């Protein structure tokens, strides 16, 4: 049985939703997180295996990115959460929805896992929670994710939460000095409902 969100709070007036699973909580980033975010996202392996994360990851970049979140959510374009272990204030990673498209009913899942957590099992719990939120609370029909071809661990996480590999886009992005292949994964609302019943 997939991991379920145990609590979703969507405040009125356009405020950020928060999510809780049995072991993690997801809250919006705040400017006080700039240093912690820069340190975590500044790990070379994060930039090396994650699309769109620059290296070095500066505090100025972290500040600008966090400052953009409220506007992105108000426009229903993206949601970005700090991932924390339940009962702990330390940020251990990131999970989010990018390119939210209400008209087409789809959004892109993104995540990365910092040090101090089980990268595969914890990433699966985070991803499952974000997918559930997108499909049930935001009424998306499809959630997709893009994986660097040379990073198969991410693909195993996505397959483990029920996403299906849809295809390979060759030499699509320039990442870390390399022109990279992308693997596209996706799950439909109907797929998710079947998983929840099994």
C-alpha atoms as a PDB file:
ATOM      1  CA  UNK A   1       0.000   0.000   0.000  1.00  0.00           C
ATOM      2  CA  UNK A   2       1.466   3.423  -0.943  1.00  0.00           C
ATOM      3  CA  UNK A   3       2.370   5.974   1.718  1.00  0.00           C
ATOM      4  CA  UNK A   4      -0.575   8.259   2.438  1.00  0.00           C
ATOM      5  CA  UNK A   5      -0.606  11.887   3.450  1.00  0.00           C
ATOM      6  CA  UNK A   6      -1.859  11.944   7.023  1.00  0.00           C
ATOM      7  CA  UNK A   7      -2.582  15.679   7.048  1.00  0.00           C
ATOM      8  CA  UNK A   8      -3.013  18.367   4.428  1.00  0.00           C
ATOM      9  CA  UNK A   9      -3.684  21.937   5.450  1.00  0.00           C
ATOM     10  CA  UNK A  10      -4.618  24.360   2.697  1.00  0.00           C
ATOM     11  CA  UNK A  11      -5.160  27.737   4.275  1.00  0.00           C
ATOM     12  CA  UNK A  12      -7.659  30.167   2.797  1.00  0.00           C
ATOM     13  CA  UNK A  13      -6.635  33.358   1.072  1.00  0.00           C
ATOM     14  CA  UNK A  14      -4.024  31.682  -1.127  1.00  0.00           C
ATOM     15  CA  UNK A  15      -1.624  30.760   1.697  1.00  0.00           C
ATOM     16  CA  UNK A  16       0.683  27.816   1.212  1.00  0.00           C
ATOM     17  CA  UNK A  17      -0.571  24.291   1.906  1.00  0.00           C
ATOM     18  CA  UNK A  18       1.390  22.132   4.329  1.00  0.00           C
ATOM     19  CA  UNK A  19       1.589  18.340   4.210  1.00  0.00           C
ATOM     20  CA  UNK A  20       2.413  15.693   6.795  1.00  0.00           C
ATOM     21  CA  UNK A  21       3.164  11.990   6.389  1.00  0.00           C
ATOM     22  CA  UNK A  22       3.863   9.490   9.141  1.00  0.00           C
ATOM     23  CA  UNK A  23       7.550  10.493   9.233  1.00  0.00           C
ATOM     24  CA  UNK A  24       7.874  13.850   7.477  1.00  0.00           C
ATOM     25  CA  UNK A  25       6.365  17.276   7.231  1.00  0.00           C
ATOM     26  CA  UNK A  26       6.443  19.660   4.285  1.00  0.00           C
ATOM     27  CA  UNK A  27       6.239  23.377   4.844  1.00  0.00           C
ATOM     28  CA  UNK A  28       6.978  26.462   2.759  1.00  0.00           C
ATOM     29  CA  UNK A  29      10.510  27.792   2.774  1.00  0.00           C
ATOM     30  CA  UNK A  30      11.046  31.071   4.646  1.00  0.00           C
ATOM     31  CA  UNK A  31      13.909  33.549   4.369  1.00  0.00           C
ATOM     32  CA  UNK A  32      15.369  32.212   7.618  1.00  0.00           C
ATOM     33  CA  UNK A  33      16.061  28.987   5.650  1.00  0.00           C
ATOM     34  CA  UNK A  34      18.480  30.677   3.233  1.00  0.00           C
ATOM     35  CA  UNK A  35      21.649  29.408   4.923  1.00  0.00           C
ATOM     36  CA  UNK A  36      20.389  25.865   5.433  1.00  0.00           C
ATOM     37  CA  UNK A  37      19.063  25.671   1.880  1.00  0.00           C
ATOM     38  CA  UNK A  38      22.314  26.948   0.381  1.00  0.00           C
ATOM     39  CA  UNK A  39      24.317  24.416   2.391  1.00  0.00           C
ATOM     40  CA  UNK A  40      22.101  21.473   1.426  1.00  0.00           C
ATOM     41  CA  UNK A  41      21.577  22.343  -2.226  1.00  0.00           C
ATOM     42  CA  UNK A  42      25.242  23.290  -2.443  1.00  0.00           C
ATOM     43  CA  UNK A  43      26.291  19.640  -2.094  1.00  0.00           C
ATOM     44  CA  UNK A  44      27.865  18.711  -5.416  1.00  0.00           C
ATOM     45  CA  UNK A  45      25.857  15.496  -5.719  1.00  0.00           C
ATOM     46  CA  UNK A  46      22.592  17.498  -5.586  1.00  0.00           C
ATOM     47  CA  UNK A  47      23.549  19.680  -8.549  1.00  0.00           C
ATOM     48  CA  UNK A  48      25.095  16.692 -10.324  1.00  0.00           C
ATOM     49  CA  UNK A  49      21.921  14.597 -10.257  1.00  0.00           C
ATOM     50  CA  UNK A  50      19.120  17.188 -10.183  1.00  0.00           C
ATOM     51  CA  UNK A  51      17.848  19.169 -13.149  1.00  0.00           C
ATOM     52  CA  UNK A  52      18.012  22.924 -12.718  1.00  0.00           C
ATOM     53  CA  UNK A  53      20.031  23.132  -9.481  1.00  0.00           C
ATOM     54  CA  UNK A  54      23.092  25.352 -10.035  1.00  0.00           C
ATOM     55  CA  UNK A  55      26.528  24.731  -8.578  1.00  0.00           C
ATOM     56  CA  UNK A  56      27.752  26.538  -6.606  1.00  0.00           C
ATOM     57  CA  UNK A  57      24.416  27.223  -4.935  1.00  0.00           C
ATOM     58  CA  UNK A  58      24.836  30.629  -3.318  1.00  0.00           C
ATOM     59  CA  UNK A  59      22.918  32.213  -0.464  1.00  0.00           C
ATOM     60  CA  UNK A  60      21.859  34.974  -2.868  1.00  0.00           C
ATOM     61  CA  UNK A  61      20.370  32.417  -5.239  1.00  0.00           C
ATOM     62  CA  UNK A  62      18.604  30.728  -2.297  1.00  0.00           C
ATOM     63  CA  UNK A  63      17.176  34.085  -1.168  1.00  0.00           C
ATOM     64  CA  UNK A  64      15.921  34.980  -4.646  1.00  0.00           C
ATOM     65  CA  UNK A  65      14.386  31.512  -5.149  1.00  0.00           C
ATOM     66  CA  UNK A  66      12.592  31.497  -1.780  1.00  0.00           C
ATOM     67  CA  UNK A  67      11.332  35.036  -2.407  1.00  0.00           C
ATOM     68  CA  UNK A  68       9.662  33.848  -5.627  1.00  0.00           C
ATOM     69  CA  UNK A  69       7.588  31.095  -4.007  1.00  0.00           C
ATOM     70  CA  UNK A  70       4.578  33.038  -2.781  1.00  0.00           C
ATOM     71  CA  UNK A  71       4.058  34.660  -6.188  1.00  0.00           C
ATOM     72  CA  UNK A  72       4.405  31.307  -7.946  1.00  0.00           C
ATOM     73  CA  UNK A  73       1.748  29.763  -5.683  1.00  0.00           C
ATOM     74  CA  UNK A  74      -0.579  32.759  -5.949  1.00  0.00           C
ATOM     75  CA  UNK A  75      -0.427  32.293  -9.723  1.00  0.00           C
ATOM     76  CA  UNK A  76      -0.925  28.527  -9.247  1.00  0.00           C
ATOM     77  CA  UNK A  77       2.273  27.847 -11.182  1.00  0.00           C
ATOM     78  CA  UNK A  78       4.387  26.022  -8.597  1.00  0.00           C
ATOM     79  CA  UNK A  79       4.651  24.781  -5.010  1.00  0.00           C
ATOM     80  CA  UNK A  80       7.984  24.335  -3.248  1.00  0.00           C
ATOM     81  CA  UNK A  81       8.314  22.664   0.161  1.00  0.00           C
ATOM     82  CA  UNK A  82      11.098  22.218   2.667  1.00  0.00           C
ATOM     83  CA  UNK A  83      11.108  18.583   3.779  1.00  0.00           C
ATOM     84  CA  UNK A  84      11.669  17.984   7.511  1.00  0.00           C
ATOM     85  CA  UNK A  85      11.608  14.894   9.684  1.00  0.00           C
ATOM     86  CA  UNK A  86       8.600  14.962  11.975  1.00  0.00           C
ATOM     87  CA  UNK A  87       9.468  16.689  15.241  1.00  0.00           C
ATOM     88  CA  UNK A  88      12.723  18.125  13.863  1.00  0.00           C
ATOM     89  CA  UNK A  89      13.261  21.654  12.548  1.00  0.00           C
ATOM     90  CA  UNK A  90      16.226  20.675  10.357  1.00  0.00           C
ATOM     91  CA  UNK A  91      15.570  20.767   6.600  1.00  0.00           C
ATOM     92  CA  UNK A  92      16.614  17.470   5.019  1.00  0.00           C
ATOM     93  CA  UNK A  93      15.572  18.082   1.422  1.00  0.00           C
ATOM     94  CA  UNK A  94      13.142  19.522  -1.059  1.00  0.00           C
ATOM     95  CA  UNK A  95       9.930  18.366  -2.728  1.00  0.00           C
ATOM     96  CA  UNK A  96       7.687  20.312  -5.010  1.00  0.00           C
ATOM     97  CA  UNK A  97       5.405  20.698  -7.967  1.00  0.00           C
ATOM     98  CA  UNK A  98       6.595  22.758 -10.892  1.00  0.00           C
ATOM     99  CA  UNK A  99       4.832  23.871 -14.071  1.00  0.00           C
ATOM    100  CA  UNK A 100       1.363  23.408 -12.574  1.00  0.00           C
ATOM    101  CA  UNK A 101      -1.046  23.578 -15.505  1.00  0.00           C
ATOM    102  CA  UNK A 102      -4.691  23.735 -14.424  1.00  0.00           C
ATOM    103  CA  UNK A 103      -5.956  23.881 -17.999  1.00  0.00           C
ATOM    104  CA  UNK A 104      -4.285  20.581 -18.892  1.00  0.00           C
ATOM    105  CA  UNK A 105      -4.510  19.092 -15.411  1.00  0.00           C
ATOM    106  CA  UNK A 106      -0.838  18.271 -15.027  1.00  0.00           C
ATOM    107  CA  UNK A 107       2.223  19.198 -12.985  1.00  0.00           C
ATOM    108  CA  UNK A 108       5.875  18.221 -12.747  1.00  0.00           C
ATOM    109  CA  UNK A 109       7.145  16.465  -9.606  1.00  0.00           C
ATOM    110  CA  UNK A 110      10.592  17.557  -8.394  1.00  0.00           C
ATOM    111  CA  UNK A 111      12.612  16.463  -5.360  1.00  0.00           C
ATOM    112  CA  UNK A 112      16.085  16.118  -3.960  1.00  0.00           C
ATOM    113  CA  UNK A 113      17.317  14.518  -0.752  1.00  0.00           C
ATOM    114  CA  UNK A 114      20.055  15.930   1.469  1.00  0.00           C
ATOM    115  CA  UNK A 115      22.382  14.110   3.840  1.00  0.00           C
ATOM    116  CA  UNK A 116      21.068  12.369   6.944  1.00  0.00           C
ATOM    117  CA  UNK A 117      18.092  10.588   5.409  1.00  0.00           C
ATOM    118  CA  UNK A 118      17.588   7.341   3.534  1.00  0.00           C
ATOM    119  CA  UNK A 119      17.773   8.635   0.006  1.00  0.00           C
ATOM    120  CA  UNK A 120      15.682   5.974  -1.732  1.00  0.00           C
ATOM    121  CA  UNK A 121      12.987   5.128   0.827  1.00  0.00           C
ATOM    122  CA  UNK A 122      12.574   8.696   2.061  1.00  0.00           C
ATOM    123  CA  UNK A 123      12.468  10.109  -1.456  1.00  0.00           C
ATOM    124  CA  UNK A 124       9.749   7.577  -2.280  1.00  0.00           C
ATOM    125  CA  UNK A 125       7.694   8.660   0.745  1.00  0.00           C
ATOM    126  CA  UNK A 126       8.070  12.330  -0.181  1.00  0.00           C
ATOM    127  CA  UNK A 127       7.266  11.761  -3.831  1.00  0.00           C
ATOM    128  CA  UNK A 128       4.206   9.637  -3.083  1.00  0.00           C
ATOM    129  CA  UNK A 129       2.875  12.341  -0.759  1.00  0.00           C
ATOM    130  CA  UNK A 130       3.374  15.097  -3.326  1.00  0.00           C
ATOM    131  CA  UNK A 131       1.783  13.004  -6.092  1.00  0.00           C
ATOM    132  CA  UNK A 132      -1.218  12.228  -3.877  1.00  0.00           C
ATOM    133  CA  UNK A 133      -1.601  15.927  -3.072  1.00  0.00           C
ATOM    134  CA  UNK A 134      -1.426  16.902  -6.743  1.00  0.00           C
ATOM    135  CA  UNK A 135      -3.955  14.290  -7.848  1.00  0.00           C
ATOM    136  CA  UNK A 136      -6.429  14.691  -4.990  1.00  0.00           C
ATOM    137  CA  UNK A 137      -6.149  18.223  -3.586  1.00  0.00           C
ATOM    138  CA  UNK A 138      -5.215  20.009  -6.815  1.00  0.00           C
ATOM    139  CA  UNK A 139      -7.292  17.662  -9.006  1.00  0.00           C
ATOM    140  CA  UNK A 140      -4.480  17.078 -11.465  1.00  0.00           C
ATOM    141  CA  UNK A 141      -5.022  14.330 -14.026  1.00  0.00           C
ATOM    142  CA  UNK A 142      -1.312  13.649 -14.590  1.00  0.00           C
ATOM    143  CA  UNK A 143       1.898  14.126 -12.642  1.00  0.00           C
ATOM    144  CA  UNK A 144       5.179  13.664 -14.468  1.00  0.00           C
ATOM    145  CA  UNK A 145       8.856  13.725 -13.557  1.00  0.00           C
ATOM    146  CA  UNK A 146      12.058  14.100 -15.554  1.00  0.00           C
ATOM    147  CA  UNK A 147      15.073  11.970 -14.649  1.00  0.00           C
ATOM    148  CA  UNK A 148      18.636  12.390 -15.877  1.00  0.00           C
ATOM    149  CA  UNK A 149      19.456   9.288 -17.908  1.00  0.00           C
ATOM    150  CA  UNK A 150      22.627   8.635 -15.917  1.00  0.00           C
ATOM    151  CA  UNK A 151      20.794   8.773 -12.570  1.00  0.00           C
ATOM    152  CA  UNK A 152      18.870   5.456 -12.433  1.00  0.00           C
ATOM    153  CA  UNK A 153      18.245   5.673  -8.656  1.00  0.00           C
ATOM    154  CA  UNK A 154      15.732   8.464  -9.280  1.00  0.00           C
ATOM    155  CA  UNK A 155      14.040   6.251 -11.840  1.00  0.00           C
ATOM    156  CA  UNK A 156      13.712   3.449  -9.294  1.00  0.00           C
ATOM    157  CA  UNK A 157      12.063   5.867  -6.849  1.00  0.00           C
ATOM    158  CA  UNK A 158       9.594   6.993  -9.507  1.00  0.00           C
ATOM    159  CA  UNK A 159       8.810   3.435 -10.601  1.00  0.00           C
ATOM    160  CA  UNK A 160       8.330   2.474  -6.947  1.00  0.00           C
ATOM    161  CA  UNK A 161       5.540   5.016  -6.473  1.00  0.00           C
ATOM    162  CA  UNK A 162       3.696   3.778  -9.544  1.00  0.00           C
ATOM    163  CA  UNK A 163       4.973   6.088 -12.255  1.00  0.00           C
ATOM    164  CA  UNK A 164       5.429   4.595 -15.694  1.00  0.00           C
ATOM    165  CA  UNK A 165       8.347   5.326 -17.970  1.00  0.00           C
ATOM    166  CA  UNK A 166       6.962   7.199 -20.960  1.00  0.00           C
ATOM    167  CA  UNK A 167      10.081   7.720 -23.016  1.00  0.00           C
ATOM    168  CA  UNK A 168      13.630   8.907 -23.514  1.00  0.00           C
ATOM    169  CA  UNK A 169      14.495  12.363 -24.836  1.00  0.00           C
ATOM    170  CA  UNK A 170      18.059  12.215 -26.075  1.00  0.00           C
ATOM    171  CA  UNK A 171      20.557  15.011 -25.382  1.00  0.00           C
ATOM    172  CA  UNK A 172      17.845  17.329 -24.076  1.00  0.00           C
ATOM    173  CA  UNK A 173      19.499  19.368 -21.286  1.00  0.00           C
ATOM    174  CA  UNK A 174      22.895  20.852 -20.551  1.00  0.00           C
ATOM    175  CA  UNK A 175      23.779  19.870 -16.977  1.00  0.00           C
ATOM    176  CA  UNK A 176      27.133  20.181 -15.247  1.00  0.00           C
ATOM    177  CA  UNK A 177      29.021  20.581 -18.506  1.00  0.00           C
ATOM    178  CA  UNK A 178      27.287  17.590 -20.130  1.00  0.00           C
ATOM    179  CA  UNK A 179      24.501  17.347 -22.676  1.00  0.00           C
ATOM    180  CA  UNK A 180      22.146  14.926 -20.950  1.00  0.00           C
ATOM    181  CA  UNK A 181      19.462  12.436 -21.882  1.00  0.00           C
ATOM    182  CA  UNK A 182      16.154  12.770 -20.022  1.00  0.00           C
ATOM    183  CA  UNK A 183      13.784   9.974 -19.072  1.00  0.00           C
ATOM    184  CA  UNK A 184      10.134  11.001 -18.700  1.00  0.00           C
ATOM    185  CA  UNK A 185       7.947   9.281 -16.097  1.00  0.00           C
ATOM    186  CA  UNK A 186       4.279   9.904 -15.322  1.00  0.00           C
ATOM    187  CA  UNK A 187       1.297   8.686 -13.355  1.00  0.00           C
ATOM    188  CA  UNK A 188      -2.363   9.373 -14.099  1.00  0.00           C
ATOM    189  CA  UNK A 189      -5.111   9.929 -11.566  1.00  0.00           C
ATOM    190  CA  UNK A 190      -6.714   6.653 -12.686  1.00  0.00           C
ATOM    191  CA  UNK A 191      -3.401   4.805 -12.118  1.00  0.00           C
ATOM    192  CA  UNK A 192      -3.160   6.252  -8.612  1.00  0.00           C
ATOM    193  CA  UNK A 193      -6.711   5.279  -7.727  1.00  0.00           C
ATOM    194  CA  UNK A 194      -6.042   1.692  -8.789  1.00  0.00           C
ATOM    195  CA  UNK A 195      -2.901   1.593  -6.625  1.00  0.00           C
ATOM    196  CA  UNK A 196      -4.765   2.888  -3.605  1.00  0.00           C
ATOM    197  CA  UNK A 197      -7.353   0.122  -3.974  1.00  0.00           C
ATOM    198  CA  UNK A 198      -4.810  -2.682  -4.390  1.00  0.00           C
END
